[in-house]
């Protein structure tokens, strides 16, 4: 973490090459602080998580010298006392209290943060003892899989391709399965109001899954009355920062389709973020052409957008990439976007 005057820069190291011992920088994100905030507020919040941590790895090989298992053991003990934790947390709580004031949710904040603080302090004061192992599976001379067994599910890190599995085949299969998965989910969990927008929210770099942000027509109409010169980019940014009703933001439940996970894993392994973004845009294009009768109640200008929330693209670029020409003309006729 590096602290500057107006942002916190967070680097996540996600790629590890076992044989060259090289860590690749996966992602750098900047969190902009509200005007008047001090960087040490974030620093104090991070200090809350300082622990005494011991981490061990044990490598097991077969008689041919091939890696079979990596056994991982993490032990941690809190380096804080209850009073220290409370003092470290106060600046962060004050920051959140100010944000609650801006959004008009002070009462809810005061009702919930007492219990949250107690739970957080309890967790931080508890020691942890965690075991995990990565298993390497071979077929003849070929490494076939690397995976981590878990109590609820197995995490797959690597899987060898079949001879006919090209990048294009993985792309198209992931696109088809994710589109089908989203439609099936919305059939099972239909929104309760008419929609003007469906956003596929994701991060091409980090494994955060896929979320659906539902744009209620009623929310848009209320916003429209408050704004003198409305535009779709402004509307989209307001929608993403202030989703509205609780059920307007939905994370697609895991597991996601295996073909989608396979494609994401392959592309992230070679840092091909653009291929992931292209696939998500294709899914949005498909969903814009879908027949939503009996699934969603939509406006005549309803659109689907794919948005990589960490890429910080111009919303108009996302709209033009995701939305077919006939729907763009409807938005232009209503004055939501400019003719281009």
Protein backbone atom coordinates (compact mmCIF):
# COMPACT_ATOMS: atom_id res chain seq x y z
CA UNK A 1 0.00 0.00 0.00
CA UNK A 2 1.28 3.46 -0.83
CA UNK A 3 -0.40 6.51 0.67
CA UNK A 4 -0.48 9.83 -1.14
CA UNK A 5 -2.33 13.07 -0.52
CA UNK A 6 -5.57 12.13 -2.28
CA UNK A 7 -5.58 8.42 -3.01
CA UNK A 8 -4.56 5.00 -1.83
CA UNK A 9 -2.77 2.84 -4.39
CA UNK A 10 -3.36 -0.89 -3.93
CA UNK A 11 -1.28 -3.46 -5.77
CA UNK A 12 -2.50 -7.06 -5.90
CA UNK A 13 0.07 -9.67 -6.86
CA UNK A 14 -1.86 -12.49 -8.42
CA UNK A 15 0.39 -14.23 -10.95
CA UNK A 16 3.11 -16.56 -9.71
CA UNK A 17 5.51 -18.47 -11.93
CA UNK A 18 6.65 -21.40 -9.79
CA UNK A 19 9.78 -22.15 -11.76
CA UNK A 20 11.20 -18.66 -12.25
CA UNK A 21 10.01 -17.41 -8.84
CA UNK A 22 8.59 -14.35 -10.54
CA UNK A 23 5.57 -12.45 -9.26
CA UNK A 24 3.62 -10.50 -11.86
CA UNK A 25 1.71 -7.34 -10.96
CA UNK A 26 -1.93 -8.07 -11.73
CA UNK A 27 -3.71 -4.91 -10.77
CA UNK A 28 -3.22 -1.41 -9.44
CA UNK A 29 -6.33 0.37 -8.21
CA UNK A 30 -6.68 3.90 -6.94
CA UNK A 31 -9.34 4.79 -4.43
CA UNK A 32 -10.12 8.48 -4.56
CA UNK A 33 -10.77 10.04 -1.16
CA UNK A 34 -13.56 12.56 -0.50
CA UNK A 35 -12.50 16.19 -0.36
CA UNK A 36 -11.00 17.08 3.00
CA UNK A 37 -10.20 13.52 4.01
CA UNK A 38 -6.72 12.64 5.18
CA UNK A 39 -4.72 9.74 3.86
CA UNK A 40 -3.90 8.55 7.38
CA UNK A 41 -7.56 7.62 7.83
CA UNK A 42 -6.99 4.81 5.35
CA UNK A 43 -3.63 4.05 6.91
CA UNK A 44 -5.23 3.72 10.34
CA UNK A 45 -7.84 1.37 8.93
CA UNK A 46 -5.17 -0.85 7.43
CA UNK A 47 -3.25 -0.88 10.69
CA UNK A 48 -6.25 -2.59 12.24
CA UNK A 49 -5.35 -5.72 10.30
CA UNK A 50 -1.72 -5.97 11.32
CA UNK A 51 -1.06 -9.41 12.74
CA UNK A 52 1.78 -11.64 13.77
CA UNK A 53 1.72 -14.08 10.85
CA UNK A 54 3.73 -17.20 10.22
CA UNK A 55 3.45 -18.82 6.81
CA UNK A 56 5.04 -22.11 5.73
CA UNK A 57 5.09 -24.03 2.46
CA UNK A 58 6.19 -27.64 2.02
CA UNK A 59 6.86 -29.07 -1.47
CA UNK A 60 6.32 -32.77 -2.17
CA UNK A 61 7.81 -34.41 -5.30
CA UNK A 62 7.44 -37.82 -6.91
CA UNK A 63 10.36 -40.14 -7.65
CA UNK A 64 10.82 -38.46 -11.03
CA UNK A 65 11.27 -35.02 -9.47
CA UNK A 66 7.87 -33.70 -10.51
CA UNK A 67 5.96 -31.48 -8.13
CA UNK A 68 2.96 -33.29 -6.63
CA UNK A 69 1.77 -31.16 -3.75
CA UNK A 70 2.33 -27.76 -2.12
CA UNK A 71 1.24 -27.81 1.52
CA UNK A 72 0.51 -24.39 3.00
CA UNK A 73 0.14 -23.55 6.67
CA UNK A 74 -0.73 -20.11 8.03
CA UNK A 75 -0.81 -19.22 11.73
CA UNK A 76 -1.71 -15.75 12.90
CA UNK A 77 -2.07 -14.05 16.24
CA UNK A 78 -3.43 -10.60 16.90
CA UNK A 79 -0.78 -7.98 17.60
CA UNK A 80 -3.39 -5.68 19.14
CA UNK A 81 -5.22 -5.32 22.46
CA UNK A 82 -8.95 -4.39 22.53
CA UNK A 83 -8.07 -0.77 23.39
CA UNK A 84 -5.52 -0.60 20.57
CA UNK A 85 -8.04 -1.97 18.10
CA UNK A 86 -10.69 0.50 19.19
CA UNK A 87 -8.32 3.47 18.84
CA UNK A 88 -7.14 2.30 15.41
CA UNK A 89 -10.71 1.89 14.20
CA UNK A 90 -12.04 5.31 15.26
CA UNK A 91 -10.68 7.35 12.28
CA UNK A 92 -12.14 4.83 9.82
CA UNK A 93 -15.49 4.86 11.64
CA UNK A 94 -15.57 8.64 11.51
CA UNK A 95 -14.87 8.55 7.80
CA UNK A 96 -17.75 6.11 7.24
CA UNK A 97 -19.99 8.24 9.45
CA UNK A 98 -19.32 11.26 7.22
CA UNK A 99 -20.12 9.22 4.11
CA UNK A 100 -23.37 8.08 5.75
CA UNK A 101 -24.22 11.72 6.36
CA UNK A 102 -23.67 12.52 2.67
CA UNK A 103 -26.02 9.70 1.64
CA UNK A 104 -28.58 10.45 4.36
CA UNK A 105 -28.19 7.09 6.10
CA UNK A 106 -26.91 8.25 9.51
CA UNK A 107 -29.61 6.40 11.47
CA UNK A 108 -28.94 3.10 9.72
CA UNK A 109 -25.19 3.58 10.21
CA UNK A 110 -25.51 4.14 13.96
CA UNK A 111 -27.83 1.13 14.31
CA UNK A 112 -25.55 -1.29 12.49
CA UNK A 113 -21.98 -0.16 13.17
CA UNK A 114 -22.03 -0.99 16.90
CA UNK A 115 -22.61 -4.67 16.21
CA UNK A 116 -20.23 -4.61 13.25
CA UNK A 117 -17.47 -3.10 15.38
CA UNK A 118 -17.95 -5.74 18.05
CA UNK A 119 -17.80 -8.56 15.48
CA UNK A 120 -14.73 -7.10 13.79
CA UNK A 121 -12.83 -6.72 17.06
CA UNK A 122 -13.76 -10.26 18.08
CA UNK A 123 -12.42 -11.63 14.81
CA UNK A 124 -9.23 -9.59 14.98
CA UNK A 125 -8.45 -10.81 18.50
CA UNK A 126 -8.84 -14.45 17.53
CA UNK A 127 -5.86 -16.52 16.46
CA UNK A 128 -6.12 -18.40 13.18
CA UNK A 129 -4.68 -21.72 12.09
CA UNK A 130 -5.25 -22.44 8.41
CA UNK A 131 -4.13 -25.37 6.23
CA UNK A 132 -4.40 -25.63 2.44
CA UNK A 133 -2.72 -27.65 -0.30
CA UNK A 134 -2.35 -27.38 -4.05
CA UNK A 135 -2.33 -30.69 -5.91
CA UNK A 136 -0.61 -31.33 -9.25
CA UNK A 137 -2.14 -34.03 -11.46
CA UNK A 138 -0.30 -35.63 -14.40
CA UNK A 139 -1.24 -37.82 -17.32
CA UNK A 140 1.81 -39.57 -18.72
CA UNK A 141 4.33 -36.76 -19.24
CA UNK A 142 1.78 -33.94 -19.25
CA UNK A 143 0.68 -31.77 -16.36
CA UNK A 144 -3.12 -31.94 -16.57
CA UNK A 145 -4.42 -29.96 -13.59
CA UNK A 146 -3.45 -27.86 -10.60
CA UNK A 147 -6.21 -27.55 -8.03
CA UNK A 148 -6.95 -26.85 -4.37
CA UNK A 149 -9.49 -29.11 -2.62
CA UNK A 150 -11.81 -27.24 -0.28
CA UNK A 151 -14.56 -28.09 2.21
CA UNK A 152 -17.30 -26.76 -0.12
CA UNK A 153 -15.72 -26.75 -3.56
CA UNK A 154 -12.50 -27.43 -5.46
CA UNK A 155 -10.61 -24.42 -6.83
CA UNK A 156 -9.08 -25.15 -10.23
CA UNK A 157 -5.92 -23.14 -11.03
CA UNK A 158 -4.79 -24.78 -14.26
CA UNK A 159 -6.18 -27.30 -16.73
CA UNK A 160 -4.37 -28.51 -19.85
CA UNK A 161 -6.14 -27.85 -23.14
CA UNK A 162 -7.52 -30.53 -25.39
CA UNK A 163 -5.90 -30.69 -28.87
CA UNK A 164 -8.85 -28.93 -30.54
CA UNK A 165 -9.34 -26.21 -27.92
CA UNK A 166 -8.40 -22.93 -29.57
CA UNK A 167 -8.73 -19.44 -28.08
CA UNK A 168 -11.69 -18.81 -30.39
CA UNK A 169 -13.47 -21.98 -29.26
CA UNK A 170 -12.97 -21.11 -25.59
CA UNK A 171 -14.21 -17.56 -26.32
CA UNK A 172 -17.39 -18.65 -28.10
CA UNK A 173 -18.24 -21.35 -25.57
CA UNK A 174 -17.74 -18.99 -22.63
CA UNK A 175 -19.91 -16.38 -24.37
CA UNK A 176 -22.76 -18.83 -25.01
CA UNK A 177 -22.74 -20.40 -21.55
CA UNK A 178 -22.62 -17.07 -19.69
CA UNK A 179 -25.48 -15.64 -21.79
CA UNK A 180 -27.59 -18.71 -21.06
CA UNK A 181 -26.69 -18.55 -17.36
CA UNK A 182 -27.78 -14.91 -17.04
CA UNK A 183 -31.10 -15.53 -18.79
CA UNK A 184 -31.78 -18.60 -16.65
CA UNK A 185 -30.97 -16.65 -13.48
CA UNK A 186 -33.34 -13.81 -14.38
CA UNK A 187 -36.08 -16.33 -15.18
CA UNK A 188 -35.71 -17.78 -11.69
CA UNK A 189 -35.31 -14.39 -9.98
CA UNK A 190 -37.32 -11.87 -12.03
CA UNK A 191 -37.07 -8.18 -11.08
CA UNK A 192 -40.18 -6.70 -9.54
CA UNK A 193 -40.20 -3.49 -11.62
CA UNK A 194 -39.78 -2.34 -15.21
CA UNK A 195 -36.14 -1.97 -16.29
CA UNK A 196 -34.51 0.60 -18.55
CA UNK A 197 -30.99 -0.82 -18.08
CA UNK A 198 -29.17 -4.04 -17.25
CA UNK A 199 -25.44 -3.68 -16.55
CA UNK A 200 -23.05 -6.63 -16.53
CA UNK A 201 -20.53 -5.42 -13.97
CA UNK A 202 -17.19 -7.23 -13.74
CA UNK A 203 -13.42 -6.80 -13.38
CA UNK A 204 -11.33 -8.32 -16.17
CA UNK A 205 -8.23 -8.48 -13.96
CA UNK A 206 -9.50 -9.61 -10.57
CA UNK A 207 -11.65 -12.65 -9.85
CA UNK A 208 -14.72 -10.82 -8.51
CA UNK A 209 -17.34 -12.75 -10.46
CA UNK A 210 -20.14 -11.07 -12.41
CA UNK A 211 -22.81 -8.78 -10.98
CA UNK A 212 -26.08 -7.58 -12.48
CA UNK A 213 -27.03 -3.96 -11.81
CA UNK A 214 -30.73 -3.43 -12.52
CA UNK A 215 -31.87 0.03 -13.60
CA UNK A 216 -35.42 0.68 -12.42
CA UNK A 217 -37.53 2.89 -14.69
CA UNK A 218 -39.11 4.58 -11.66
CA UNK A 219 -35.68 5.47 -10.26
CA UNK A 220 -34.63 6.94 -13.62
CA UNK A 221 -37.82 9.01 -13.86
CA UNK A 222 -37.28 10.45 -10.38
CA UNK A 223 -33.65 11.25 -11.22
CA UNK A 224 -34.67 12.83 -14.52
CA UNK A 225 -36.93 15.30 -12.72
CA UNK A 226 -34.07 16.48 -10.50
CA UNK A 227 -31.54 17.09 -13.30
CA UNK A 228 -31.69 20.08 -15.64
CA UNK A 229 -29.71 18.62 -18.55
CA UNK A 230 -29.74 14.83 -18.24
CA UNK A 231 -27.42 12.64 -20.29
CA UNK A 232 -26.91 8.90 -20.39
CA UNK A 233 -23.28 8.98 -19.17
CA UNK A 234 -24.36 11.06 -16.18
CA UNK A 235 -27.34 8.78 -15.60
CA UNK A 236 -25.15 5.67 -15.82
CA UNK A 237 -22.57 6.96 -13.35
CA UNK A 238 -25.33 7.96 -10.94
CA UNK A 239 -26.92 4.53 -11.32
CA UNK A 240 -23.66 2.71 -10.59
CA UNK A 241 -22.80 4.85 -7.56
CA UNK A 242 -26.32 4.86 -6.11
CA UNK A 243 -27.93 1.61 -7.18
CA UNK A 244 -31.27 2.29 -5.51
CA UNK A 245 -33.40 -0.53 -4.05
CA UNK A 246 -31.54 -3.31 -2.24
CA UNK A 247 -32.33 -5.93 -4.85
CA UNK A 248 -31.10 -3.76 -7.75
CA UNK A 249 -27.56 -5.11 -7.30
CA UNK A 250 -27.22 -8.86 -7.68
CA UNK A 251 -24.07 -10.96 -7.76
CA UNK A 252 -24.51 -14.01 -9.95
CA UNK A 253 -24.32 -16.96 -7.57
CA UNK A 254 -21.40 -19.32 -7.88
CA UNK A 255 -20.49 -21.59 -9.43
CA UNK A 256 -20.55 -19.72 -12.72
CA UNK A 257 -20.53 -21.82 -15.91
CA UNK A 258 -17.42 -23.99 -16.17
CA UNK A 259 -16.75 -22.80 -19.74
CA UNK A 260 -16.77 -19.17 -18.57
CA UNK A 261 -14.44 -19.95 -15.65
CA UNK A 262 -12.13 -21.85 -18.01
CA UNK A 263 -11.89 -18.95 -20.46
CA UNK A 264 -11.31 -16.40 -17.68
CA UNK A 265 -8.61 -18.57 -16.13
CA UNK A 266 -6.84 -19.05 -19.46
CA UNK A 267 -6.91 -15.37 -20.42
CA UNK A 268 -5.85 -14.13 -17.00
CA UNK A 269 -2.99 -16.60 -17.06
CA UNK A 270 -1.48 -14.72 -20.02
CA UNK A 271 -2.75 -11.27 -18.91
CA UNK A 272 -5.09 -10.99 -21.91
CA UNK A 273 -7.56 -8.65 -20.24
CA UNK A 274 -8.88 -7.34 -23.59
CA UNK A 275 -10.09 -10.82 -24.59
CA UNK A 276 -12.15 -10.95 -21.39
CA UNK A 277 -13.59 -7.49 -22.07
CA UNK A 278 -14.39 -8.46 -25.67
CA UNK A 279 -16.21 -11.59 -24.50
CA UNK A 280 -18.31 -9.64 -21.97
CA UNK A 281 -19.23 -7.06 -24.64
CA UNK A 282 -20.33 -9.91 -26.92
CA UNK A 283 -22.55 -11.29 -24.14
CA UNK A 284 -24.12 -7.84 -23.71
CA UNK A 285 -24.72 -7.63 -27.47
CA UNK A 286 -26.42 -11.04 -27.38
CA UNK A 287 -28.62 -10.00 -24.45
CA UNK A 288 -29.64 -6.82 -26.27
CA UNK A 289 -31.02 -9.06 -29.03
CA UNK A 290 -32.71 -11.51 -26.63
CA UNK A 291 -36.48 -11.89 -26.35
CA UNK A 292 -37.26 -10.80 -22.77
CA UNK A 293 -41.00 -11.44 -23.04
CA UNK A 294 -42.14 -13.30 -19.93
CA UNK A 295 -38.78 -12.72 -18.19
CA UNK A 296 -38.29 -8.97 -17.81
CA UNK A 297 -40.63 -6.03 -18.07
CA UNK A 298 -38.63 -3.48 -20.05
CA UNK A 299 -38.97 0.03 -21.44
CA UNK A 300 -38.86 0.69 -25.17
CA UNK A 301 -35.31 2.04 -24.75
CA UNK A 302 -34.05 -0.83 -22.57
CA UNK A 303 -30.39 -1.71 -23.14
CA UNK A 304 -27.75 -4.08 -21.76
CA UNK A 305 -24.21 -2.80 -21.11
CA UNK A 306 -20.99 -4.61 -20.20
CA UNK A 307 -18.92 -2.49 -17.80
CA UNK A 308 -15.45 -3.27 -16.43
CA UNK A 309 -15.77 -1.16 -13.30
CA UNK A 310 -11.99 -0.96 -12.74
CA UNK A 311 -11.20 0.11 -16.32
CA UNK A 312 -13.00 3.44 -15.82
CA UNK A 313 -14.04 3.67 -19.47
CA UNK A 314 -16.22 6.45 -20.82
CA UNK A 315 -19.81 5.15 -20.37
CA UNK A 316 -20.58 6.18 -23.95
CA UNK A 317 -17.84 3.85 -25.19
CA UNK A 318 -19.40 0.97 -23.24
CA UNK A 319 -22.84 1.84 -24.63
CA UNK A 320 -21.70 2.05 -28.24
CA UNK A 321 -19.74 -1.21 -27.93
CA UNK A 322 -22.60 -3.15 -26.32
CA UNK A 323 -25.76 -1.76 -27.90
CA UNK A 324 -26.95 -2.46 -31.48
CA UNK A 325 -27.55 0.37 -33.94
CA UNK A 326 -31.35 0.29 -33.79
CA UNK A 327 -31.36 0.77 -30.01
CA UNK A 328 -28.73 3.52 -30.24
CA UNK A 329 -31.07 5.38 -32.59
CA UNK A 330 -33.86 5.19 -30.00
CA UNK A 331 -31.55 6.67 -27.34
CA UNK A 332 -30.47 9.39 -29.77
CA UNK A 333 -34.06 10.23 -30.66
CA UNK A 334 -34.85 10.68 -26.97
CA UNK A 335 -31.80 12.90 -26.48
CA UNK A 336 -29.98 10.52 -24.14
CA UNK A 337 -26.85 10.31 -26.30
CA UNK A 338 -25.46 12.45 -29.10
CA UNK A 339 -25.48 11.33 -32.70
CA UNK A 340 -22.06 10.05 -33.85
